[in-house]
Amino acid sequence: MTVEEMRKQKKKYGYSYEYISQMSGVPVSTIQKVFSGVTASPRLKTMRALTAVLDGEFDDAYYVREESPIYMDYINDSAIKLYTDDRYDGHTLKDYLALPDEQRAELIDGVFYDMGAPVPAHQIISNKIAFTLESHVNRRKGTCTVFSAPTDVQLDEDDKTVVQPDIFVVCDRNKIRNTRIFGAPDLVIEILSPTTKGKDMYLKGYKYRNAGVREYWIVNPINKYIIVYDYEHNDMVRLYSFTDSIPVTIWDGACEVDFAPIQEAIAFLEE
């Protein structure tokens, strides 16, 4: 990507220099020099880092590191603009309930987002994570309930947003209605696919955080990483691989999801 193309992308997405710096690891002063032409020949490493952010397809795993964690404060209006194009279609819960049974979609701030059928690897991962969480609740005789898609969540307790997280845990039984979940789950886990990656990582991540979700996991089966956002404790972010055993923060680490057996279970699909 050329510098001129970067300028156009910056304007298109409405990114600030501070945002680009946070996501790329490149100092603000360096970015300003590159964009203004003061630095005529930027270093290749700098250009690659900036391109990774500005091409609209960057991978958060590249940026999550202990010395420079991602905070969801930076994934705000710019990210929402990126995936909604400032649309507001004015759809409501009534429109959502009127959709044909065979049409899967989510309603986010009045906008419909179609959902494709999950692939086998997605379902294997989902089933095994849900089983681990459910087993923990049963062993502890806990009051939390584990759900899997397609279960409707009226996230903001209004009529403009209904989502279907891949896996989620609700510990307040008052939120569980006969028709849907009313309010924010405690834990949400989304398993990425090429068609849902942007929506899950940015738009829904932002919505979950603001709605009061305590912990959010993003599972990337293709690049084999898991990002864990601990919204309850200062937006702490941790990056794991498919060889790690990941503690569930809402349960103070008393439950862990071991991804090594999950990787073994889907390995045959990658041969």
C-alpha atoms as a PDB file:
ATOM      1  CA  MET A   1       0.000   0.000   0.000  1.00  0.00           C
ATOM      2  CA  THR A   2       1.346   3.417  -0.960  1.00  0.00           C
ATOM      3  CA  VAL A   3       1.306   6.453   1.334  1.00  0.00           C
ATOM      4  CA  GLU A   4      -1.377   8.056  -0.833  1.00  0.00           C
ATOM      5  CA  GLU A   5      -3.554   4.952  -0.498  1.00  0.00           C
ATOM      6  CA  MET A   6      -3.019   5.060   3.251  1.00  0.00           C
ATOM      7  CA  ARG A   7      -4.185   8.673   3.372  1.00  0.00           C
ATOM      8  CA  LYS A   8      -7.384   7.694   1.547  1.00  0.00           C
ATOM      9  CA  GLN A   9      -8.006   4.784   3.908  1.00  0.00           C
ATOM     10  CA  LYS A  10      -7.424   6.983   6.945  1.00  0.00           C
ATOM     11  CA  LYS A  11     -10.000   9.458   5.655  1.00  0.00           C
ATOM     12  CA  LYS A  12     -12.434   6.707   4.657  1.00  0.00           C
ATOM     13  CA  TYR A  13     -12.438   5.050   8.085  1.00  0.00           C
ATOM     14  CA  GLY A  14     -12.074   8.237  10.089  1.00  0.00           C
ATOM     15  CA  TYR A  15      -9.044   6.944  11.978  1.00  0.00           C
ATOM     16  CA  SER A  16      -7.072   9.352  14.158  1.00  0.00           C
ATOM     17  CA  TYR A  17      -3.280   9.306  14.310  1.00  0.00           C
ATOM     18  CA  GLU A  18      -3.567   8.129  17.920  1.00  0.00           C
ATOM     19  CA  TYR A  19      -5.755   5.192  16.906  1.00  0.00           C
ATOM     20  CA  ILE A  20      -3.404   4.125  14.093  1.00  0.00           C
ATOM     21  CA  SER A  21      -0.463   4.413  16.469  1.00  0.00           C
ATOM     22  CA  GLN A  22      -2.133   2.277  19.127  1.00  0.00           C
ATOM     23  CA  MET A  23      -3.068  -0.458  16.667  1.00  0.00           C
ATOM     24  CA  SER A  24       0.193  -0.472  14.688  1.00  0.00           C
ATOM     25  CA  GLY A  25       2.758   0.238  17.399  1.00  0.00           C
ATOM     26  CA  VAL A  26       4.211   3.052  15.247  1.00  0.00           C
ATOM     27  CA  PRO A  27       4.752   6.360  17.144  1.00  0.00           C
ATOM     28  CA  VAL A  28       2.325   9.172  16.317  1.00  0.00           C
ATOM     29  CA  SER A  29       5.187  11.472  15.289  1.00  0.00           C
ATOM     30  CA  THR A  30       6.456   8.873  12.800  1.00  0.00           C
ATOM     31  CA  ILE A  31       2.997   8.402  11.292  1.00  0.00           C
ATOM     32  CA  GLN A  32       2.571  12.161  10.878  1.00  0.00           C
ATOM     33  CA  LYS A  33       5.926  12.424   9.122  1.00  0.00           C
ATOM     34  CA  VAL A  34       5.021   9.571   6.760  1.00  0.00           C
ATOM     35  CA  PHE A  35       1.612  11.007   5.901  1.00  0.00           C
ATOM     36  CA  SER A  36       2.905  14.560   5.448  1.00  0.00           C
ATOM     37  CA  GLY A  37       5.764  13.443   3.212  1.00  0.00           C
ATOM     38  CA  VAL A  38       8.487  14.639   5.589  1.00  0.00           C
ATOM     39  CA  THR A  39       9.781  11.073   5.646  1.00  0.00           C
ATOM     40  CA  ALA A  40      10.202  10.365   1.942  1.00  0.00           C
ATOM     41  CA  SER A  41      11.347   6.755   2.328  1.00  0.00           C
ATOM     42  CA  PRO A  42       9.704   5.121   5.364  1.00  0.00           C
ATOM     43  CA  ARG A  43      11.170   1.907   6.696  1.00  0.00           C
ATOM     44  CA  LEU A  44       9.653  -1.300   5.310  1.00  0.00           C
ATOM     45  CA  LYS A  45       8.698  -2.433   8.819  1.00  0.00           C
ATOM     46  CA  THR A  46       6.806   0.831   9.375  1.00  0.00           C
ATOM     47  CA  MET A  47       4.961   0.553   6.076  1.00  0.00           C
ATOM     48  CA  ARG A  48       3.942  -3.025   6.781  1.00  0.00           C
ATOM     49  CA  ALA A  49       2.619  -2.117  10.219  1.00  0.00           C
ATOM     50  CA  LEU A  50       0.605   0.809   8.852  1.00  0.00           C
ATOM     51  CA  THR A  51      -0.703  -1.249   5.931  1.00  0.00           C
ATOM     52  CA  ALA A  52      -1.862  -3.966   8.337  1.00  0.00           C
ATOM     53  CA  VAL A  53      -4.113  -1.421  10.050  1.00  0.00           C
ATOM     54  CA  LEU A  54      -5.242   0.626   7.082  1.00  0.00           C
ATOM     55  CA  ASP A  55      -6.142  -2.110   4.619  1.00  0.00           C
ATOM     56  CA  GLY A  56      -9.228  -2.874   6.723  1.00  0.00           C
ATOM     57  CA  GLU A  57      -8.291  -6.517   7.205  1.00  0.00           C
ATOM     58  CA  PHE A  58      -5.701  -6.381   9.955  1.00  0.00           C
ATOM     59  CA  ASP A  59      -5.395  -9.219  12.426  1.00  0.00           C
ATOM     60  CA  ASP A  60      -5.600  -8.272  16.104  1.00  0.00           C
ATOM     61  CA  ALA A  61      -3.283 -11.130  17.064  1.00  0.00           C
ATOM     62  CA  TYR A  62      -0.468  -9.159  15.457  1.00  0.00           C
ATOM     63  CA  TYR A  63      -0.990  -6.332  17.898  1.00  0.00           C
ATOM     64  CA  VAL A  64      -1.880  -8.052  21.155  1.00  0.00           C
ATOM     65  CA  ARG A  65       1.277  -8.251  23.234  1.00  0.00           C
ATOM     66  CA  GLU A  66       1.941  -7.816  26.925  1.00  0.00           C
ATOM     67  CA  GLU A  67       3.834  -4.566  26.615  1.00  0.00           C
ATOM     68  CA  SER A  68       1.185  -2.946  24.414  1.00  0.00           C
ATOM     69  CA  PRO A  69      -2.292  -4.423  25.015  1.00  0.00           C
ATOM     70  CA  ILE A  70      -5.275  -3.426  22.935  1.00  0.00           C
ATOM     71  CA  TYR A  71      -7.935  -1.523  24.834  1.00  0.00           C
ATOM     72  CA  MET A  72     -11.446  -1.470  23.495  1.00  0.00           C
ATOM     73  CA  ASP A  73     -11.532   2.298  24.059  1.00  0.00           C
ATOM     74  CA  TYR A  74      -9.765   2.534  20.710  1.00  0.00           C
ATOM     75  CA  ILE A  75     -12.254   0.326  18.941  1.00  0.00           C
ATOM     76  CA  ASN A  76     -15.132   2.734  19.109  1.00  0.00           C
ATOM     77  CA  ASP A  77     -16.800   5.062  16.637  1.00  0.00           C
ATOM     78  CA  SER A  78     -14.249   4.382  13.886  1.00  0.00           C
ATOM     79  CA  ALA A  79     -14.790   0.642  14.133  1.00  0.00           C
ATOM     80  CA  ILE A  80     -18.552   0.963  14.156  1.00  0.00           C
ATOM     81  CA  LYS A  81     -18.411   3.237  11.104  1.00  0.00           C
ATOM     82  CA  LEU A  82     -16.263   0.638   9.372  1.00  0.00           C
ATOM     83  CA  TYR A  83     -18.909  -2.068   9.657  1.00  0.00           C
ATOM     84  CA  THR A  84     -22.148  -0.121   9.493  1.00  0.00           C
ATOM     85  CA  ASP A  85     -21.244   2.596   6.978  1.00  0.00           C
ATOM     86  CA  ASP A  86     -23.276   4.946   9.172  1.00  0.00           C
ATOM     87  CA  ARG A  87     -26.405   3.009   8.282  1.00  0.00           C
ATOM     88  CA  TYR A  88     -29.513   3.028  10.386  1.00  0.00           C
ATOM     89  CA  ASP A  89     -32.221   1.037   8.696  1.00  0.00           C
ATOM     90  CA  GLY A  90     -34.686   1.591  11.518  1.00  0.00           C
ATOM     91  CA  HIS A  91     -35.467  -2.114  11.983  1.00  0.00           C
ATOM     92  CA  THR A  92     -36.825  -3.235  15.321  1.00  0.00           C
ATOM     93  CA  LEU A  93     -37.482  -6.390  17.287  1.00  0.00           C
ATOM     94  CA  LYS A  94     -40.849  -6.656  15.541  1.00  0.00           C
ATOM     95  CA  ASP A  95     -39.088  -6.829  12.146  1.00  0.00           C
ATOM     96  CA  TYR A  96     -36.605  -9.353  13.514  1.00  0.00           C
ATOM     97  CA  LEU A  97     -39.360 -11.659  14.749  1.00  0.00           C
ATOM     98  CA  ALA A  98     -41.072 -11.407  11.361  1.00  0.00           C
ATOM     99  CA  LEU A  99     -38.074 -12.866   9.499  1.00  0.00           C
ATOM    100  CA  PRO A 100     -38.627 -16.282   7.870  1.00  0.00           C
ATOM    101  CA  ASP A 101     -37.562 -19.192  10.088  1.00  0.00           C
ATOM    102  CA  GLU A 102     -34.914 -20.254   7.570  1.00  0.00           C
ATOM    103  CA  GLN A 103     -33.225 -16.825   7.564  1.00  0.00           C
ATOM    104  CA  ARG A 104     -30.542 -16.365  10.203  1.00  0.00           C
ATOM    105  CA  ALA A 105     -29.654 -12.779  10.985  1.00  0.00           C
ATOM    106  CA  GLU A 106     -28.654 -10.492  13.819  1.00  0.00           C
ATOM    107  CA  LEU A 107     -30.120  -7.065  14.494  1.00  0.00           C
ATOM    108  CA  ILE A 108     -27.582  -4.504  15.695  1.00  0.00           C
ATOM    109  CA  ASP A 109     -28.661  -0.914  16.256  1.00  0.00           C
ATOM    110  CA  GLY A 110     -31.501  -1.258  13.778  1.00  0.00           C
ATOM    111  CA  VAL A 111     -29.398  -2.906  11.044  1.00  0.00           C
ATOM    112  CA  PHE A 112     -29.756  -6.526   9.905  1.00  0.00           C
ATOM    113  CA  TYR A 113     -26.603  -8.637   9.439  1.00  0.00           C
ATOM    114  CA  ASP A 114     -27.044 -11.982   7.678  1.00  0.00           C
ATOM    115  CA  MET A 115     -25.478 -15.055   9.246  1.00  0.00           C
ATOM    116  CA  GLY A 116     -24.303 -18.018   7.202  1.00  0.00           C
ATOM    117  CA  ALA A 117     -24.377 -21.635   8.325  1.00  0.00           C
ATOM    118  CA  PRO A 118     -21.353 -22.554  10.496  1.00  0.00           C
ATOM    119  CA  VAL A 119     -18.751 -24.924   9.059  1.00  0.00           C
ATOM    120  CA  PRO A 120     -17.919 -28.269  10.761  1.00  0.00           C
ATOM    121  CA  ALA A 121     -14.760 -26.981  12.504  1.00  0.00           C
ATOM    122  CA  HIS A 122     -16.780 -24.137  13.980  1.00  0.00           C
ATOM    123  CA  GLN A 123     -19.331 -26.553  15.403  1.00  0.00           C
ATOM    124  CA  ILE A 124     -16.739 -28.935  16.815  1.00  0.00           C
ATOM    125  CA  ILE A 125     -14.995 -26.074  18.608  1.00  0.00           C
ATOM    126  CA  SER A 126     -18.279 -24.657  19.865  1.00  0.00           C
ATOM    127  CA  ASN A 127     -19.525 -27.990  21.194  1.00  0.00           C
ATOM    128  CA  LYS A 128     -16.323 -28.765  23.053  1.00  0.00           C
ATOM    129  CA  ILE A 129     -16.073 -25.332  24.681  1.00  0.00           C
ATOM    130  CA  ALA A 130     -19.733 -25.421  25.704  1.00  0.00           C
ATOM    131  CA  PHE A 131     -19.285 -28.935  27.137  1.00  0.00           C
ATOM    132  CA  THR A 132     -16.351 -27.785  29.282  1.00  0.00           C
ATOM    133  CA  LEU A 133     -18.288 -24.804  30.618  1.00  0.00           C
ATOM    134  CA  GLU A 134     -21.428 -26.868  31.253  1.00  0.00           C
ATOM    135  CA  SER A 135     -19.418 -29.569  33.035  1.00  0.00           C
ATOM    136  CA  HIS A 136     -17.918 -26.965  35.351  1.00  0.00           C
ATOM    137  CA  VAL A 137     -21.353 -25.552  36.233  1.00  0.00           C
ATOM    138  CA  ASN A 138     -22.708 -29.050  36.911  1.00  0.00           C
ATOM    139  CA  ARG A 139     -19.762 -30.037  39.103  1.00  0.00           C
ATOM    140  CA  ARG A 140     -20.153 -26.892  41.182  1.00  0.00           C
ATOM    141  CA  LYS A 141     -23.942 -27.104  41.156  1.00  0.00           C
ATOM    142  CA  GLY A 142     -23.857 -23.486  40.072  1.00  0.00           C
ATOM    143  CA  THR A 143     -26.687 -21.206  39.018  1.00  0.00           C
ATOM    144  CA  CYS A 144     -25.059 -20.053  35.770  1.00  0.00           C
ATOM    145  CA  THR A 145     -26.502 -21.360  32.509  1.00  0.00           C
ATOM    146  CA  VAL A 146     -24.524 -22.099  29.337  1.00  0.00           C
ATOM    147  CA  PHE A 147     -26.148 -21.358  25.970  1.00  0.00           C
ATOM    148  CA  SER A 148     -25.160 -21.950  22.352  1.00  0.00           C
ATOM    149  CA  ALA A 149     -26.413 -20.371  19.134  1.00  0.00           C
ATOM    150  CA  PRO A 150     -29.011 -19.878  17.896  1.00  0.00           C
ATOM    151  CA  THR A 151     -30.323 -18.315  21.109  1.00  0.00           C
ATOM    152  CA  ASP A 152     -31.534 -14.734  20.919  1.00  0.00           C
ATOM    153  CA  VAL A 153     -30.018 -12.120  23.226  1.00  0.00           C
ATOM    154  CA  GLN A 154     -31.787  -8.770  23.520  1.00  0.00           C
ATOM    155  CA  LEU A 155     -28.447  -7.256  24.426  1.00  0.00           C
ATOM    156  CA  ASP A 156     -29.255  -3.602  25.179  1.00  0.00           C
ATOM    157  CA  GLU A 157     -32.708  -4.345  26.597  1.00  0.00           C
ATOM    158  CA  ASP A 158     -34.221  -2.281  23.778  1.00  0.00           C
ATOM    159  CA  ASP A 159     -35.899  -3.198  20.489  1.00  0.00           C
ATOM    160  CA  LYS A 160     -32.971  -2.339  18.207  1.00  0.00           C
ATOM    161  CA  THR A 161     -30.430  -5.081  18.973  1.00  0.00           C
ATOM    162  CA  VAL A 162     -30.815  -8.870  19.039  1.00  0.00           C
ATOM    163  CA  VAL A 163     -27.669 -11.004  18.686  1.00  0.00           C
ATOM    164  CA  GLN A 164     -26.911 -14.726  18.691  1.00  0.00           C
ATOM    165  CA  PRO A 165     -23.483 -15.324  20.263  1.00  0.00           C
ATOM    166  CA  ASP A 166     -21.877 -18.669  19.471  1.00  0.00           C
ATOM    167  CA  ILE A 167     -21.528 -19.516  23.170  1.00  0.00           C
ATOM    168  CA  PHE A 168     -22.473 -17.502  26.230  1.00  0.00           C
ATOM    169  CA  VAL A 169     -23.012 -17.821  29.961  1.00  0.00           C
ATOM    170  CA  VAL A 170     -25.751 -16.115  31.973  1.00  0.00           C
ATOM    171  CA  CYS A 171     -25.464 -16.153  35.766  1.00  0.00           C
ATOM    172  CA  ASP A 172     -28.444 -13.912  36.564  1.00  0.00           C
ATOM    173  CA  ARG A 173     -31.503 -16.074  36.012  1.00  0.00           C
ATOM    174  CA  ASN A 174     -33.743 -13.014  35.949  1.00  0.00           C
ATOM    175  CA  LYS A 175     -32.330 -12.326  32.473  1.00  0.00           C
ATOM    176  CA  ILE A 176     -33.522 -15.671  31.122  1.00  0.00           C
ATOM    177  CA  ARG A 177     -36.990 -15.420  29.581  1.00  0.00           C
ATOM    178  CA  ASN A 178     -38.992 -18.068  27.752  1.00  0.00           C
ATOM    179  CA  THR A 179     -38.451 -16.268  24.447  1.00  0.00           C
ATOM    180  CA  ARG A 180     -34.905 -14.898  24.721  1.00  0.00           C
ATOM    181  CA  ILE A 181     -32.194 -13.548  27.001  1.00  0.00           C
ATOM    182  CA  PHE A 182     -32.943 -10.001  28.152  1.00  0.00           C
ATOM    183  CA  GLY A 183     -29.712  -8.171  28.956  1.00  0.00           C
ATOM    184  CA  ALA A 184     -25.979  -8.822  28.785  1.00  0.00           C
ATOM    185  CA  PRO A 185     -24.513 -12.302  29.391  1.00  0.00           C
ATOM    186  CA  ASP A 186     -21.569 -12.644  31.781  1.00  0.00           C
ATOM    187  CA  LEU A 187     -19.320 -14.435  29.284  1.00  0.00           C
ATOM    188  CA  VAL A 188     -19.551 -14.372  25.486  1.00  0.00           C
ATOM    189  CA  ILE A 189     -17.466 -16.473  23.090  1.00  0.00           C
ATOM    190  CA  GLU A 190     -17.514 -15.883  19.336  1.00  0.00           C
ATOM    191  CA  ILE A 191     -15.818 -18.233  16.867  1.00  0.00           C
ATOM    192  CA  LEU A 192     -14.664 -16.285  13.835  1.00  0.00           C
ATOM    193  CA  SER A 193     -15.358 -17.072  10.221  1.00  0.00           C
ATOM    194  CA  PRO A 194     -14.136 -15.067   7.206  1.00  0.00           C
ATOM    195  CA  THR A 195     -17.587 -13.540   6.761  1.00  0.00           C
ATOM    196  CA  THR A 196     -18.162 -12.567  10.414  1.00  0.00           C
ATOM    197  CA  LYS A 197     -14.637 -11.617  11.509  1.00  0.00           C
ATOM    198  CA  GLY A 198     -15.008  -7.856  11.313  1.00  0.00           C
ATOM    199  CA  LYS A 199     -18.447  -7.794  12.899  1.00  0.00           C
ATOM    200  CA  ASP A 200     -17.426 -10.091  15.770  1.00  0.00           C
ATOM    201  CA  MET A 201     -14.084  -8.441  16.513  1.00  0.00           C
ATOM    202  CA  TYR A 202     -15.105  -4.811  16.348  1.00  0.00           C
ATOM    203  CA  LEU A 203     -18.801  -4.037  16.186  1.00  0.00           C
ATOM    204  CA  LYS A 204     -20.010  -6.809  18.483  1.00  0.00           C
ATOM    205  CA  GLY A 205     -16.987  -6.474  20.739  1.00  0.00           C
ATOM    206  CA  TYR A 206     -17.858  -2.837  21.259  1.00  0.00           C
ATOM    207  CA  LYS A 207     -21.528  -3.647  21.832  1.00  0.00           C
ATOM    208  CA  TYR A 208     -20.738  -6.404  24.334  1.00  0.00           C
ATOM    209  CA  ARG A 209     -18.449  -4.172  26.336  1.00  0.00           C
ATOM    210  CA  ASN A 210     -20.933  -1.310  26.532  1.00  0.00           C
ATOM    211  CA  ALA A 211     -23.838  -3.610  27.379  1.00  0.00           C
ATOM    212  CA  GLY A 212     -22.044  -4.971  30.441  1.00  0.00           C
ATOM    213  CA  VAL A 213     -20.592  -8.304  29.293  1.00  0.00           C
ATOM    214  CA  ARG A 214     -17.887  -9.156  31.822  1.00  0.00           C
ATOM    215  CA  GLU A 215     -15.643 -11.291  29.602  1.00  0.00           C
ATOM    216  CA  TYR A 216     -15.375 -11.742  25.830  1.00  0.00           C
ATOM    217  CA  TRP A 217     -13.443 -14.433  23.955  1.00  0.00           C
ATOM    218  CA  ILE A 218     -12.663 -14.287  20.231  1.00  0.00           C
ATOM    219  CA  VAL A 219     -11.617 -17.670  18.816  1.00  0.00           C
ATOM    220  CA  ASN A 220      -9.856 -17.660  15.442  1.00  0.00           C
ATOM    221  CA  PRO A 221      -9.753 -21.262  14.094  1.00  0.00           C
ATOM    222  CA  ILE A 222      -7.801 -20.290  10.972  1.00  0.00           C
ATOM    223  CA  ASN A 223      -4.896 -18.454  12.604  1.00  0.00           C
ATOM    224  CA  LYS A 224      -5.139 -20.535  15.794  1.00  0.00           C
ATOM    225  CA  TYR A 225      -5.413 -17.874  18.459  1.00  0.00           C
ATOM    226  CA  ILE A 226      -7.836 -16.764  21.133  1.00  0.00           C
ATOM    227  CA  ILE A 227      -8.139 -13.174  22.355  1.00  0.00           C
ATOM    228  CA  VAL A 228      -9.647 -12.747  25.820  1.00  0.00           C
ATOM    229  CA  TYR A 229     -11.022  -9.348  26.803  1.00  0.00           C
ATOM    230  CA  ASP A 230     -11.548  -8.969  30.544  1.00  0.00           C
ATOM    231  CA  TYR A 231     -13.966  -6.032  30.548  1.00  0.00           C
ATOM    232  CA  GLU A 232     -14.568  -6.380  34.269  1.00  0.00           C
ATOM    233  CA  HIS A 233     -10.952  -5.619  35.165  1.00  0.00           C
ATOM    234  CA  ASN A 234      -9.795  -2.540  33.259  1.00  0.00           C
ATOM    235  CA  ASP A 235     -10.209  -4.078  29.798  1.00  0.00           C
ATOM    236  CA  MET A 236      -7.261  -6.414  30.287  1.00  0.00           C
ATOM    237  CA  VAL A 237      -6.435  -8.277  27.064  1.00  0.00           C
ATOM    238  CA  ARG A 238      -4.660 -11.620  26.768  1.00  0.00           C
ATOM    239  CA  LEU A 239      -3.648 -13.615  23.711  1.00  0.00           C
ATOM    240  CA  TYR A 240      -3.587 -17.427  23.714  1.00  0.00           C
ATOM    241  CA  SER A 241      -2.885 -20.150  21.172  1.00  0.00           C
ATOM    242  CA  PHE A 242      -4.541 -23.493  20.456  1.00  0.00           C
ATOM    243  CA  THR A 243      -1.955 -25.172  22.685  1.00  0.00           C
ATOM    244  CA  ASP A 244      -3.012 -23.238  25.797  1.00  0.00           C
ATOM    245  CA  SER A 245      -5.435 -23.916  28.607  1.00  0.00           C
ATOM    246  CA  ILE A 246      -7.425 -20.725  29.150  1.00  0.00           C
ATOM    247  CA  PRO A 247      -8.856 -19.750  32.551  1.00  0.00           C
ATOM    248  CA  VAL A 248     -12.407 -18.414  32.678  1.00  0.00           C
ATOM    249  CA  THR A 249     -12.088 -15.076  34.450  1.00  0.00           C
ATOM    250  CA  ILE A 250     -15.719 -14.751  35.550  1.00  0.00           C
ATOM    251  CA  TRP A 251     -15.132 -17.904  37.614  1.00  0.00           C
ATOM    252  CA  ASP A 252     -11.735 -16.728  38.917  1.00  0.00           C
ATOM    253  CA  GLY A 253      -9.902 -19.375  36.888  1.00  0.00           C
ATOM    254  CA  ALA A 254     -11.680 -22.295  38.600  1.00  0.00           C
ATOM    255  CA  CYS A 255     -12.625 -23.482  35.114  1.00  0.00           C
ATOM    256  CA  GLU A 256     -10.163 -23.729  32.222  1.00  0.00           C
ATOM    257  CA  VAL A 257     -10.764 -24.536  28.567  1.00  0.00           C
ATOM    258  CA  ASP A 258      -7.909 -26.665  27.221  1.00  0.00           C
ATOM    259  CA  PHE A 259      -7.525 -25.947  23.506  1.00  0.00           C
ATOM    260  CA  ALA A 260      -4.990 -28.711  22.813  1.00  0.00           C
ATOM    261  CA  PRO A 261      -7.689 -31.432  22.606  1.00  0.00           C
ATOM    262  CA  ILE A 262      -9.841 -29.051  20.569  1.00  0.00           C
ATOM    263  CA  GLN A 263      -7.021 -28.640  18.072  1.00  0.00           C
ATOM    264  CA  GLU A 264      -6.634 -32.413  17.900  1.00  0.00           C
ATOM    265  CA  ALA A 265     -10.362 -32.776  17.265  1.00  0.00           C
ATOM    266  CA  ILE A 266     -10.316 -30.511  14.202  1.00  0.00           C
ATOM    267  CA  ALA A 267      -6.886 -31.532  12.878  1.00  0.00           C
ATOM    268  CA  PHE A 268      -8.357 -34.031  10.391  1.00  0.00           C
ATOM    269  CA  LEU A 269     -10.244 -31.193   8.685  1.00  0.00           C
ATOM    270  CA  GLU A 270      -6.947 -29.447   7.948  1.00  0.00           C
ATOM    271  CA  GLU A 271      -5.192 -32.404   6.326  1.00  0.00           C
END
